[in-house]
Amino acid sequence: MHGYDLLVVGSANADLVIGVDRRPAAGETVLGSDLVTHPGGKGANQAVAAARLGARTALLARVGDDAHGRLLGDSLRAAGVDTAGILTGGAPTGVALITVDPSGDNSIVVSPGANGKLAPEDVRASDSLLRASRVVSAQLEIPLETVEEVVRNLPSGTRFVLNPSPPRPLPAEVLAACDPLIVNEHEAQVITGGESAGTPEEWAAALLALGPRSVVVTLGSQGALVADAQSMTRVPSVKVEAVDTTGAGDAFTAALAWRLGTGSSLPDAAAYAARVGAAAVTRPGAQESYPTAEEVEAL
């Protein structure tokens, strides 16, 4: 019996957000809006997004003993995330510096802080969380060796979902565990070494050749492509007026991982995740923007 629908192993950041009319060019200074601080980080975002949808969710992450760490803990608990796996200390809480333009597009620079201290031994010490989880999701805002340790310690029958962001080449051991590997165009190019050709189907084929069991290529306003050894399926996007795209990819990944754990097919899970991601971009912020299941149904 699984105690958790989803265990997220990943980052927890404070998002420092400034709205700008346009993002600055090299050497240029632009004026922006007042600074707003939001709870964020890909790991914490995914955990909150899944919990808001009704998933039994836990997070394994590390924060600093500081105000940003307390902000994150409060946000996670308010969403219903089990925070037993939140470790404290080793460095200040990670910070993401985010600019958002009027179209809702963003640019992000991350200072990892305590995220960089989430170590393989932390994964080994959290074996009870892994064994209690139906699906485990990870990203790359934590050390790659920690993600490798997650893969080595996955219980039999537990599904592993990876969004390799920020992207880097991945070892074969990690790629072979991914079911699915979730990437955008840029991430696909990095992971394949620039070998993927010009269509999403070709990117997916190049990625599958590296060993993952399945692949999801997100295509922004064009939806997504899901692929495995048997088939490739296009999943349409949901048309909404975007306010802020920050964290939308995390909402997509969380929703997809949760639905896979409930037995949905990959195309069906991706279609649901597209609706969740669309709902998230209609409101500012990351975690604050994530919808409930009822809001997704109403979209």
C-alpha atoms as a PDB file:
ATOM      1  CA  MET A   1       0.000   0.000   0.000  1.00  0.00           C
ATOM      2  CA  HIS A   2       1.444   3.361  -1.047  1.00  0.00           C
ATOM      3  CA  GLY A   3       1.157   6.174   1.463  1.00  0.00           C
ATOM      4  CA  TYR A   4       1.939   8.813  -1.179  1.00  0.00           C
ATOM      5  CA  ASP A   5       0.726   9.237  -4.730  1.00  0.00           C
ATOM      6  CA  LEU A   6       3.799  11.343  -5.483  1.00  0.00           C
ATOM      7  CA  LEU A   7       7.163  11.969  -3.857  1.00  0.00           C
ATOM      8  CA  VAL A   8       9.006  14.951  -5.310  1.00  0.00           C
ATOM      9  CA  VAL A   9      12.770  15.061  -4.811  1.00  0.00           C
ATOM     10  CA  GLY A  10      14.026  18.494  -5.730  1.00  0.00           C
ATOM     11  CA  SER A  11      14.575  22.150  -5.103  1.00  0.00           C
ATOM     12  CA  ALA A  12      12.862  24.706  -2.909  1.00  0.00           C
ATOM     13  CA  ASN A  13      13.538  28.383  -3.664  1.00  0.00           C
ATOM     14  CA  ALA A  14      12.310  31.831  -2.841  1.00  0.00           C
ATOM     15  CA  ASP A  15      11.251  33.451  -6.136  1.00  0.00           C
ATOM     16  CA  LEU A  16      12.150  37.156  -6.265  1.00  0.00           C
ATOM     17  CA  VAL A  17       9.988  38.515  -9.082  1.00  0.00           C
ATOM     18  CA  ILE A  18      10.106  41.861 -10.906  1.00  0.00           C
ATOM     19  CA  GLY A  19       7.808  42.831 -13.780  1.00  0.00           C
ATOM     20  CA  VAL A  20       9.521  44.598 -16.703  1.00  0.00           C
ATOM     21  CA  ASP A  21       8.315  46.205 -19.922  1.00  0.00           C
ATOM     22  CA  ARG A  22      11.069  44.263 -21.675  1.00  0.00           C
ATOM     23  CA  ARG A  23      14.031  42.221 -20.575  1.00  0.00           C
ATOM     24  CA  PRO A  24      17.361  44.101 -20.676  1.00  0.00           C
ATOM     25  CA  ALA A  25      19.990  43.564 -23.334  1.00  0.00           C
ATOM     26  CA  ALA A  26      23.630  43.003 -22.366  1.00  0.00           C
ATOM     27  CA  GLY A  27      24.948  45.991 -20.433  1.00  0.00           C
ATOM     28  CA  GLU A  28      21.503  47.613 -20.234  1.00  0.00           C
ATOM     29  CA  THR A  29      19.539  48.660 -17.140  1.00  0.00           C
ATOM     30  CA  VAL A  30      15.750  48.784 -17.166  1.00  0.00           C
ATOM     31  CA  LEU A  31      13.312  49.828 -14.467  1.00  0.00           C
ATOM     32  CA  GLY A  32      10.817  47.278 -13.174  1.00  0.00           C
ATOM     33  CA  SER A  33       7.928  46.898 -10.787  1.00  0.00           C
ATOM     34  CA  ASP A  34       8.159  46.493  -7.029  1.00  0.00           C
ATOM     35  CA  LEU A  35       9.860  43.300  -5.919  1.00  0.00           C
ATOM     36  CA  VAL A  36       7.507  40.461  -4.914  1.00  0.00           C
ATOM     37  CA  THR A  37       8.696  37.324  -3.104  1.00  0.00           C
ATOM     38  CA  HIS A  38       6.923  34.031  -3.835  1.00  0.00           C
ATOM     39  CA  PRO A  39       7.613  30.478  -2.645  1.00  0.00           C
ATOM     40  CA  GLY A  40       9.074  28.518  -5.572  1.00  0.00           C
ATOM     41  CA  GLY A  41      11.707  26.080  -6.774  1.00  0.00           C
ATOM     42  CA  LYS A  42      10.897  23.271  -9.185  1.00  0.00           C
ATOM     43  CA  GLY A  43      10.632  20.635  -6.475  1.00  0.00           C
ATOM     44  CA  ALA A  44       8.428  22.650  -4.146  1.00  0.00           C
ATOM     45  CA  ASN A  45       6.353  23.859  -7.095  1.00  0.00           C
ATOM     46  CA  GLN A  46       5.647  20.329  -8.252  1.00  0.00           C
ATOM     47  CA  ALA A  47       4.745  19.196  -4.744  1.00  0.00           C
ATOM     48  CA  VAL A  48       2.299  22.069  -4.224  1.00  0.00           C
ATOM     49  CA  ALA A  49       0.764  21.639  -7.682  1.00  0.00           C
ATOM     50  CA  ALA A  50       0.109  17.937  -7.085  1.00  0.00           C
ATOM     51  CA  ALA A  51      -1.254  18.477  -3.592  1.00  0.00           C
ATOM     52  CA  ARG A  52      -3.637  21.189  -4.820  1.00  0.00           C
ATOM     53  CA  LEU A  53      -5.038  18.657  -7.278  1.00  0.00           C
ATOM     54  CA  GLY A  54      -5.705  16.208  -4.468  1.00  0.00           C
ATOM     55  CA  ALA A  55      -2.628  13.972  -4.656  1.00  0.00           C
ATOM     56  CA  ARG A  56      -1.104  12.616  -1.466  1.00  0.00           C
ATOM     57  CA  THR A  57       2.254  14.321  -1.837  1.00  0.00           C
ATOM     58  CA  ALA A  58       5.597  14.493  -0.023  1.00  0.00           C
ATOM     59  CA  LEU A  59       8.713  16.527  -0.757  1.00  0.00           C
ATOM     60  CA  LEU A  60      12.348  15.656  -0.112  1.00  0.00           C
ATOM     61  CA  ALA A  61      14.306  18.921  -0.246  1.00  0.00           C
ATOM     62  CA  ARG A  62      16.706  21.127   1.722  1.00  0.00           C
ATOM     63  CA  VAL A  63      16.210  24.753   2.790  1.00  0.00           C
ATOM     64  CA  GLY A  64      18.158  27.185   4.935  1.00  0.00           C
ATOM     65  CA  ASP A  65      17.369  28.122   8.515  1.00  0.00           C
ATOM     66  CA  ASP A  66      16.067  31.513   7.414  1.00  0.00           C
ATOM     67  CA  ALA A  67      12.942  33.481   6.533  1.00  0.00           C
ATOM     68  CA  HIS A  68      12.836  32.126   2.984  1.00  0.00           C
ATOM     69  CA  GLY A  69      12.935  28.568   4.321  1.00  0.00           C
ATOM     70  CA  ARG A  70      10.052  29.301   6.667  1.00  0.00           C
ATOM     71  CA  LEU A  71       8.072  30.878   3.802  1.00  0.00           C
ATOM     72  CA  LEU A  72       8.464  27.672   1.820  1.00  0.00           C
ATOM     73  CA  GLY A  73       7.483  25.450   4.728  1.00  0.00           C
ATOM     74  CA  ASP A  74       4.340  27.482   5.343  1.00  0.00           C
ATOM     75  CA  SER A  75       3.329  27.334   1.664  1.00  0.00           C
ATOM     76  CA  LEU A  76       3.905  23.570   1.432  1.00  0.00           C
ATOM     77  CA  ARG A  77       1.915  22.813   4.572  1.00  0.00           C
ATOM     78  CA  ALA A  78      -0.909  25.105   3.491  1.00  0.00           C
ATOM     79  CA  ALA A  79      -1.199  23.149   0.244  1.00  0.00           C
ATOM     80  CA  GLY A  80      -1.310  19.845   2.097  1.00  0.00           C
ATOM     81  CA  VAL A  81       2.209  18.611   1.280  1.00  0.00           C
ATOM     82  CA  ASP A  82       3.826  16.274   3.814  1.00  0.00           C
ATOM     83  CA  THR A  83       6.973  18.157   4.881  1.00  0.00           C
ATOM     84  CA  ALA A  84       8.617  15.331   6.854  1.00  0.00           C
ATOM     85  CA  GLY A  85      11.302  15.207   4.142  1.00  0.00           C
ATOM     86  CA  ILE A  86      12.190  18.908   4.353  1.00  0.00           C
ATOM     87  CA  LEU A  87      15.766  19.137   5.679  1.00  0.00           C
ATOM     88  CA  THR A  88      17.174  22.355   7.124  1.00  0.00           C
ATOM     89  CA  GLY A  89      20.677  23.795   7.133  1.00  0.00           C
ATOM     90  CA  GLY A  90      23.945  23.636   5.249  1.00  0.00           C
ATOM     91  CA  ALA A  91      23.429  26.877   3.310  1.00  0.00           C
ATOM     92  CA  PRO A  92      20.872  29.666   2.861  1.00  0.00           C
ATOM     93  CA  THR A  93      17.635  28.810   1.083  1.00  0.00           C
ATOM     94  CA  GLY A  94      17.952  28.874  -2.699  1.00  0.00           C
ATOM     95  CA  VAL A  95      16.798  31.981  -4.548  1.00  0.00           C
ATOM     96  CA  ALA A  96      15.483  32.509  -8.092  1.00  0.00           C
ATOM     97  CA  LEU A  97      15.718  35.977  -9.633  1.00  0.00           C
ATOM     98  CA  ILE A  98      12.848  36.288 -12.127  1.00  0.00           C
ATOM     99  CA  THR A  99      11.833  38.989 -14.593  1.00  0.00           C
ATOM    100  CA  VAL A 100       8.394  38.797 -16.214  1.00  0.00           C
ATOM    101  CA  ASP A 101       7.445  40.793 -19.318  1.00  0.00           C
ATOM    102  CA  PRO A 102       3.925  41.957 -20.295  1.00  0.00           C
ATOM    103  CA  SER A 103       3.313  38.796 -22.375  1.00  0.00           C
ATOM    104  CA  GLY A 104       3.898  36.642 -19.297  1.00  0.00           C
ATOM    105  CA  ASP A 105       7.241  35.258 -20.518  1.00  0.00           C
ATOM    106  CA  ASN A 106      10.017  35.088 -17.960  1.00  0.00           C
ATOM    107  CA  SER A 107      13.774  34.898 -17.557  1.00  0.00           C
ATOM    108  CA  ILE A 108      15.220  33.183 -14.473  1.00  0.00           C
ATOM    109  CA  VAL A 109      18.596  33.018 -12.722  1.00  0.00           C
ATOM    110  CA  VAL A 110      18.860  30.562  -9.822  1.00  0.00           C
ATOM    111  CA  SER A 111      21.235  30.668  -6.861  1.00  0.00           C
ATOM    112  CA  PRO A 112      21.016  27.044  -5.593  1.00  0.00           C
ATOM    113  CA  GLY A 113      21.937  27.663  -1.940  1.00  0.00           C
ATOM    114  CA  ALA A 114      20.731  24.763   0.217  1.00  0.00           C
ATOM    115  CA  ASN A 115      19.483  22.894  -2.860  1.00  0.00           C
ATOM    116  CA  GLY A 116      23.093  22.178  -3.716  1.00  0.00           C
ATOM    117  CA  LYS A 117      23.513  20.509  -0.323  1.00  0.00           C
ATOM    118  CA  LEU A 118      20.770  17.913  -0.886  1.00  0.00           C
ATOM    119  CA  ALA A 119      23.091  14.929  -1.002  1.00  0.00           C
ATOM    120  CA  PRO A 120      22.936  11.216  -1.899  1.00  0.00           C
ATOM    121  CA  GLU A 121      23.096  10.330   1.793  1.00  0.00           C
ATOM    122  CA  ASP A 122      19.896  12.358   2.295  1.00  0.00           C
ATOM    123  CA  VAL A 123      18.194  10.100  -0.253  1.00  0.00           C
ATOM    124  CA  ARG A 124      19.470   6.949   1.469  1.00  0.00           C
ATOM    125  CA  ALA A 125      18.244   8.274   4.822  1.00  0.00           C
ATOM    126  CA  SER A 126      14.792   8.859   3.298  1.00  0.00           C
ATOM    127  CA  ASP A 127      14.256   5.277   2.125  1.00  0.00           C
ATOM    128  CA  SER A 128      10.892   5.101   3.913  1.00  0.00           C
ATOM    129  CA  LEU A 129       9.582   7.967   1.758  1.00  0.00           C
ATOM    130  CA  LEU A 130      10.711   6.252  -1.438  1.00  0.00           C
ATOM    131  CA  ARG A 131       9.155   2.941  -0.434  1.00  0.00           C
ATOM    132  CA  ALA A 132       5.847   4.643   0.392  1.00  0.00           C
ATOM    133  CA  SER A 133       5.519   6.435  -2.963  1.00  0.00           C
ATOM    134  CA  ARG A 134       3.743   5.310  -6.128  1.00  0.00           C
ATOM    135  CA  VAL A 135       5.605   7.813  -8.346  1.00  0.00           C
ATOM    136  CA  VAL A 136       8.845   9.747  -7.757  1.00  0.00           C
ATOM    137  CA  SER A 137       9.539  12.975  -9.646  1.00  0.00           C
ATOM    138  CA  ALA A 138      12.833  14.873  -9.845  1.00  0.00           C
ATOM    139  CA  GLN A 139      14.481  17.811 -11.623  1.00  0.00           C
ATOM    140  CA  LEU A 140      18.063  19.123 -11.941  1.00  0.00           C
ATOM    141  CA  GLU A 141      18.065  22.097  -9.563  1.00  0.00           C
ATOM    142  CA  ILE A 142      19.662  19.639  -7.118  1.00  0.00           C
ATOM    143  CA  PRO A 143      22.979  17.790  -7.647  1.00  0.00           C
ATOM    144  CA  LEU A 144      22.912  15.184 -10.414  1.00  0.00           C
ATOM    145  CA  GLU A 145      24.531  12.629  -8.102  1.00  0.00           C
ATOM    146  CA  THR A 146      21.510  12.989  -5.810  1.00  0.00           C
ATOM    147  CA  VAL A 147      19.153  12.245  -8.710  1.00  0.00           C
ATOM    148  CA  GLU A 148      21.328   9.236  -9.570  1.00  0.00           C
ATOM    149  CA  GLU A 149      20.947   8.015  -5.987  1.00  0.00           C
ATOM    150  CA  VAL A 150      17.169   8.326  -6.270  1.00  0.00           C
ATOM    151  CA  VAL A 151      17.245   6.090  -9.346  1.00  0.00           C
ATOM    152  CA  ARG A 152      19.469   3.516  -7.610  1.00  0.00           C
ATOM    153  CA  ASN A 153      17.101   3.370  -4.650  1.00  0.00           C
ATOM    154  CA  LEU A 154      13.779   3.249  -6.515  1.00  0.00           C
ATOM    155  CA  PRO A 155      11.626   0.413  -5.193  1.00  0.00           C
ATOM    156  CA  SER A 156      10.373  -2.139  -7.694  1.00  0.00           C
ATOM    157  CA  GLY A 157       7.156  -0.908  -9.306  1.00  0.00           C
ATOM    158  CA  THR A 158       7.727   2.777  -8.478  1.00  0.00           C
ATOM    159  CA  ARG A 159       7.577   5.028 -11.538  1.00  0.00           C
ATOM    160  CA  PHE A 160      10.260   7.694 -12.073  1.00  0.00           C
ATOM    161  CA  VAL A 161       9.544  10.992 -13.841  1.00  0.00           C
ATOM    162  CA  LEU A 162      12.313  13.469 -14.650  1.00  0.00           C
ATOM    163  CA  ASN A 163      12.186  17.046 -15.915  1.00  0.00           C
ATOM    164  CA  PRO A 164      15.899  17.717 -16.642  1.00  0.00           C
ATOM    165  CA  SER A 165      15.834  21.445 -15.954  1.00  0.00           C
ATOM    166  CA  PRO A 166      18.244  23.172 -16.056  1.00  0.00           C
ATOM    167  CA  PRO A 167      19.383  20.723 -18.742  1.00  0.00           C
ATOM    168  CA  ARG A 168      22.650  18.830 -18.929  1.00  0.00           C
ATOM    169  CA  PRO A 169      23.777  15.526 -20.458  1.00  0.00           C
ATOM    170  CA  LEU A 170      22.404  12.619 -18.432  1.00  0.00           C
ATOM    171  CA  PRO A 171      24.024   9.301 -17.523  1.00  0.00           C
ATOM    172  CA  ALA A 172      22.549   6.167 -19.066  1.00  0.00           C
ATOM    173  CA  GLU A 173      21.416   4.910 -15.652  1.00  0.00           C
ATOM    174  CA  VAL A 174      19.163   7.934 -15.146  1.00  0.00           C
ATOM    175  CA  LEU A 175      17.852   7.972 -18.721  1.00  0.00           C
ATOM    176  CA  ALA A 176      16.890   4.295 -18.530  1.00  0.00           C
ATOM    177  CA  ALA A 177      14.742   4.932 -15.440  1.00  0.00           C
ATOM    178  CA  CYS A 178      12.723   7.824 -16.925  1.00  0.00           C
ATOM    179  CA  ASP A 179       9.089   7.013 -17.639  1.00  0.00           C
ATOM    180  CA  PRO A 180       8.703   9.654 -18.919  1.00  0.00           C
ATOM    181  CA  LEU A 181      11.526  12.111 -19.524  1.00  0.00           C
ATOM    182  CA  ILE A 182       9.798  15.511 -19.843  1.00  0.00           C
ATOM    183  CA  VAL A 183      11.628  18.164 -21.898  1.00  0.00           C
ATOM    184  CA  ASN A 184      11.055  21.345 -23.854  1.00  0.00           C
ATOM    185  CA  GLU A 185      12.838  22.079 -27.147  1.00  0.00           C
ATOM    186  CA  HIS A 186      15.934  23.565 -25.498  1.00  0.00           C
ATOM    187  CA  GLU A 187      16.268  20.707 -23.023  1.00  0.00           C
ATOM    188  CA  ALA A 188      15.885  18.159 -25.832  1.00  0.00           C
ATOM    189  CA  GLN A 189      18.728  19.793 -27.759  1.00  0.00           C
ATOM    190  CA  VAL A 190      21.064  19.784 -24.741  1.00  0.00           C
ATOM    191  CA  ILE A 191      20.379  16.180 -23.763  1.00  0.00           C
ATOM    192  CA  THR A 192      20.830  14.874 -27.306  1.00  0.00           C
ATOM    193  CA  GLY A 193      23.978  16.941 -27.789  1.00  0.00           C
ATOM    194  CA  GLY A 194      22.318  19.031 -30.455  1.00  0.00           C
ATOM    195  CA  GLU A 195      21.682  15.944 -32.562  1.00  0.00           C
ATOM    196  CA  SER A 196      17.895  16.143 -32.575  1.00  0.00           C
ATOM    197  CA  ALA A 197      16.561  17.463 -35.870  1.00  0.00           C
ATOM    198  CA  GLY A 198      13.914  20.038 -36.582  1.00  0.00           C
ATOM    199  CA  THR A 199      10.564  18.464 -35.655  1.00  0.00           C
ATOM    200  CA  PRO A 200       9.249  17.409 -32.251  1.00  0.00           C
ATOM    201  CA  GLU A 201       8.827  13.870 -33.575  1.00  0.00           C
ATOM    202  CA  GLU A 202      12.503  13.784 -34.502  1.00  0.00           C
ATOM    203  CA  TRP A 203      13.496  15.197 -31.116  1.00  0.00           C
ATOM    204  CA  ALA A 204      11.419  12.514 -29.410  1.00  0.00           C
ATOM    205  CA  ALA A 205      12.964   9.773 -31.544  1.00  0.00           C
ATOM    206  CA  ALA A 206      16.474  11.000 -30.738  1.00  0.00           C
ATOM    207  CA  LEU A 207      15.658  11.066 -27.035  1.00  0.00           C
ATOM    208  CA  LEU A 208      14.092   7.596 -27.045  1.00  0.00           C
ATOM    209  CA  ALA A 209      17.260   6.283 -28.674  1.00  0.00           C
ATOM    210  CA  LEU A 210      19.147   7.335 -25.530  1.00  0.00           C
ATOM    211  CA  GLY A 211      17.174   4.909 -23.390  1.00  0.00           C
ATOM    212  CA  PRO A 212      14.171   6.443 -21.555  1.00  0.00           C
ATOM    213  CA  ARG A 213      11.026   4.319 -21.511  1.00  0.00           C
ATOM    214  CA  SER A 214       8.905   7.244 -22.679  1.00  0.00           C
ATOM    215  CA  VAL A 215       9.301  10.911 -23.577  1.00  0.00           C
ATOM    216  CA  VAL A 216       7.109  14.013 -23.371  1.00  0.00           C
ATOM    217  CA  VAL A 217       8.162  17.050 -25.397  1.00  0.00           C
ATOM    218  CA  THR A 218       6.347  20.209 -24.281  1.00  0.00           C
ATOM    219  CA  LEU A 219       5.662  22.680 -27.087  1.00  0.00           C
ATOM    220  CA  GLY A 220       4.206  25.739 -25.343  1.00  0.00           C
ATOM    221  CA  SER A 221       1.190  27.064 -27.215  1.00  0.00           C
ATOM    222  CA  GLN A 222       1.419  24.060 -29.562  1.00  0.00           C
ATOM    223  CA  GLY A 223       0.682  21.565 -26.788  1.00  0.00           C
ATOM    224  CA  ALA A 224       2.890  18.527 -26.280  1.00  0.00           C
ATOM    225  CA  LEU A 225       4.104  15.348 -27.950  1.00  0.00           C
ATOM    226  CA  VAL A 226       4.126  12.063 -26.028  1.00  0.00           C
ATOM    227  CA  ALA A 227       6.161   9.144 -27.301  1.00  0.00           C
ATOM    228  CA  ASP A 228       7.246   5.644 -26.401  1.00  0.00           C
ATOM    229  CA  ALA A 229       8.529   2.651 -28.356  1.00  0.00           C
ATOM    230  CA  GLN A 230       5.052   1.957 -29.751  1.00  0.00           C
ATOM    231  CA  SER A 231       3.635   5.347 -30.737  1.00  0.00           C
ATOM    232  CA  MET A 232       3.828   9.131 -30.847  1.00  0.00           C
ATOM    233  CA  THR A 233       0.781  11.248 -30.019  1.00  0.00           C
ATOM    234  CA  ARG A 234       0.218  15.004 -30.223  1.00  0.00           C
ATOM    235  CA  VAL A 235      -1.639  16.539 -27.282  1.00  0.00           C
ATOM    236  CA  PRO A 236      -3.262  19.929 -28.030  1.00  0.00           C
ATOM    237  CA  SER A 237      -2.816  22.966 -25.840  1.00  0.00           C
ATOM    238  CA  VAL A 238      -5.612  24.768 -23.993  1.00  0.00           C
ATOM    239  CA  LYS A 239      -6.015  28.362 -25.155  1.00  0.00           C
ATOM    240  CA  VAL A 240      -5.967  30.904 -22.324  1.00  0.00           C
ATOM    241  CA  GLU A 241      -4.745  34.462 -21.815  1.00  0.00           C
ATOM    242  CA  ALA A 242      -1.333  34.146 -20.156  1.00  0.00           C
ATOM    243  CA  VAL A 243      -0.525  36.433 -17.246  1.00  0.00           C
ATOM    244  CA  ASP A 244       2.659  34.773 -15.915  1.00  0.00           C
ATOM    245  CA  THR A 245       4.248  31.549 -17.178  1.00  0.00           C
ATOM    246  CA  THR A 246       6.460  31.111 -14.090  1.00  0.00           C
ATOM    247  CA  GLY A 247       6.092  27.565 -12.768  1.00  0.00           C
ATOM    248  CA  ALA A 248       3.679  26.413 -15.468  1.00  0.00           C
ATOM    249  CA  GLY A 249       6.012  23.621 -16.561  1.00  0.00           C
ATOM    250  CA  ASP A 250       6.223  22.405 -12.968  1.00  0.00           C
ATOM    251  CA  ALA A 251       2.431  22.274 -12.748  1.00  0.00           C
ATOM    252  CA  PHE A 252       2.359  20.263 -15.986  1.00  0.00           C
ATOM    253  CA  THR A 253       4.956  17.788 -14.729  1.00  0.00           C
ATOM    254  CA  ALA A 254       3.270  17.336 -11.349  1.00  0.00           C
ATOM    255  CA  ALA A 255      -0.149  16.748 -12.873  1.00  0.00           C
ATOM    256  CA  LEU A 256       1.218  14.286 -15.409  1.00  0.00           C
ATOM    257  CA  ALA A 257       3.189  12.325 -12.799  1.00  0.00           C
ATOM    258  CA  TRP A 258       0.186  12.091 -10.487  1.00  0.00           C
ATOM    259  CA  ARG A 259      -2.197  10.959 -13.225  1.00  0.00           C
ATOM    260  CA  LEU A 260       0.233   8.291 -14.397  1.00  0.00           C
ATOM    261  CA  GLY A 261       0.277   6.948 -10.863  1.00  0.00           C
ATOM    262  CA  THR A 262      -3.520   6.648 -10.896  1.00  0.00           C
ATOM    263  CA  GLY A 263      -3.344   4.455 -14.003  1.00  0.00           C
ATOM    264  CA  SER A 264      -3.954   6.986 -16.775  1.00  0.00           C
ATOM    265  CA  SER A 265      -2.277   6.385 -20.125  1.00  0.00           C
ATOM    266  CA  LEU A 266       0.562   8.742 -21.054  1.00  0.00           C
ATOM    267  CA  PRO A 267      -1.518  10.651 -23.660  1.00  0.00           C
ATOM    268  CA  ASP A 268      -4.448  11.031 -21.243  1.00  0.00           C
ATOM    269  CA  ALA A 269      -2.172  12.146 -18.408  1.00  0.00           C
ATOM    270  CA  ALA A 270      -0.492  14.696 -20.696  1.00  0.00           C
ATOM    271  CA  ALA A 271      -3.861  16.050 -21.853  1.00  0.00           C
ATOM    272  CA  TYR A 272      -4.909  16.578 -18.244  1.00  0.00           C
ATOM    273  CA  ALA A 273      -1.523  18.133 -17.427  1.00  0.00           C
ATOM    274  CA  ALA A 274      -1.951  20.577 -20.324  1.00  0.00           C
ATOM    275  CA  ARG A 275      -5.156  21.823 -18.740  1.00  0.00           C
ATOM    276  CA  VAL A 276      -3.435  22.229 -15.368  1.00  0.00           C
ATOM    277  CA  GLY A 277      -0.547  24.139 -16.941  1.00  0.00           C
ATOM    278  CA  ALA A 278      -2.977  26.377 -18.822  1.00  0.00           C
ATOM    279  CA  ALA A 279      -4.863  27.220 -15.642  1.00  0.00           C
ATOM    280  CA  ALA A 280      -1.594  28.071 -13.899  1.00  0.00           C
ATOM    281  CA  VAL A 281      -0.542  30.751 -16.416  1.00  0.00           C
ATOM    282  CA  THR A 282      -3.769  32.731 -15.913  1.00  0.00           C
ATOM    283  CA  ARG A 283      -2.586  33.952 -12.485  1.00  0.00           C
ATOM    284  CA  PRO A 284       0.689  35.541 -11.285  1.00  0.00           C
ATOM    285  CA  GLY A 285       3.337  33.633  -9.359  1.00  0.00           C
ATOM    286  CA  ALA A 286       4.141  29.950  -9.296  1.00  0.00           C
ATOM    287  CA  GLN A 287       2.670  28.118  -6.310  1.00  0.00           C
ATOM    288  CA  GLU A 288      -0.049  30.725  -5.775  1.00  0.00           C
ATOM    289  CA  SER A 289      -1.255  30.174  -9.346  1.00  0.00           C
ATOM    290  CA  TYR A 290      -1.805  26.425  -9.163  1.00  0.00           C
ATOM    291  CA  PRO A 291      -5.387  25.248  -9.605  1.00  0.00           C
ATOM    292  CA  THR A 292      -7.494  22.792  -7.646  1.00  0.00           C
ATOM    293  CA  ALA A 293      -9.021  19.818  -9.437  1.00  0.00           C
ATOM    294  CA  GLU A 294     -12.349  21.647  -9.489  1.00  0.00           C
ATOM    295  CA  GLU A 295     -10.786  24.659 -11.214  1.00  0.00           C
ATOM    296  CA  VAL A 296      -9.205  22.413 -13.822  1.00  0.00           C
ATOM    297  CA  GLU A 297     -12.547  20.775 -14.568  1.00  0.00           C
ATOM    298  CA  ALA A 298     -14.130  24.206 -14.983  1.00  0.00           C
ATOM    299  CA  LEU A 299     -11.476  25.372 -17.476  1.00  0.00           C
END
